[in-house]
């Protein structure tokens, strides 16, 4: 611990460094921002963290975050198109484009031999079950345009094609190696519109 700051402040800084991509300097900036907030704002912030952790879980159908058994998208949309993404934050990115009115399926990862992640470690079986049991006409592979995303998309396409469903891939307006969540809404919309068959 640094001797020039209190233990409470150091603990707060350490807590912020638990977040991905947050180094010490950013954590310090966050910590000082919190300290300068009103007590009510800090309580709201802390309560929001605790409530989110206690109430959010995965939707039984698509795997997106929800505080109910079934998320709002699965409960209200009737579509024959499923968009497959790596993580829940990718659903939010596509929803922001306001140009996709279908359903989602969250894999919670991609096939990655370097991380010892195979097809059985992500939600591929659940996707196959959804396609087999429903009247799905198209599955859009919207995994990130990196090596793992491409491998995963190709693997899933090979499994789904014998089921008679059309499998497409987002167009390459999204730069190779980038994350879907960082693509702007116009790029995502164009990638959805110009998707190609796998």
Foldseek 3Di string as FASTA:
>chain_A
DDPVDDPVLVVQLVVVVVDPPQDSVNSNVVSVVLVPDDPVVNVVVVVVVVCCVVQWFAAPQAGAIDSDNHDPLVVPADALEEEEEAHNLLVVLQVVLVQDNHHYHHFVHFDDVVVPDHPVNTCLVSVLVPLLPDNRAEYEQEYAQEPRSVVRLVVSLVVCVVVVHWYWYFDCLDPHPDGSSPDHSVSSNNRVVPIGTD
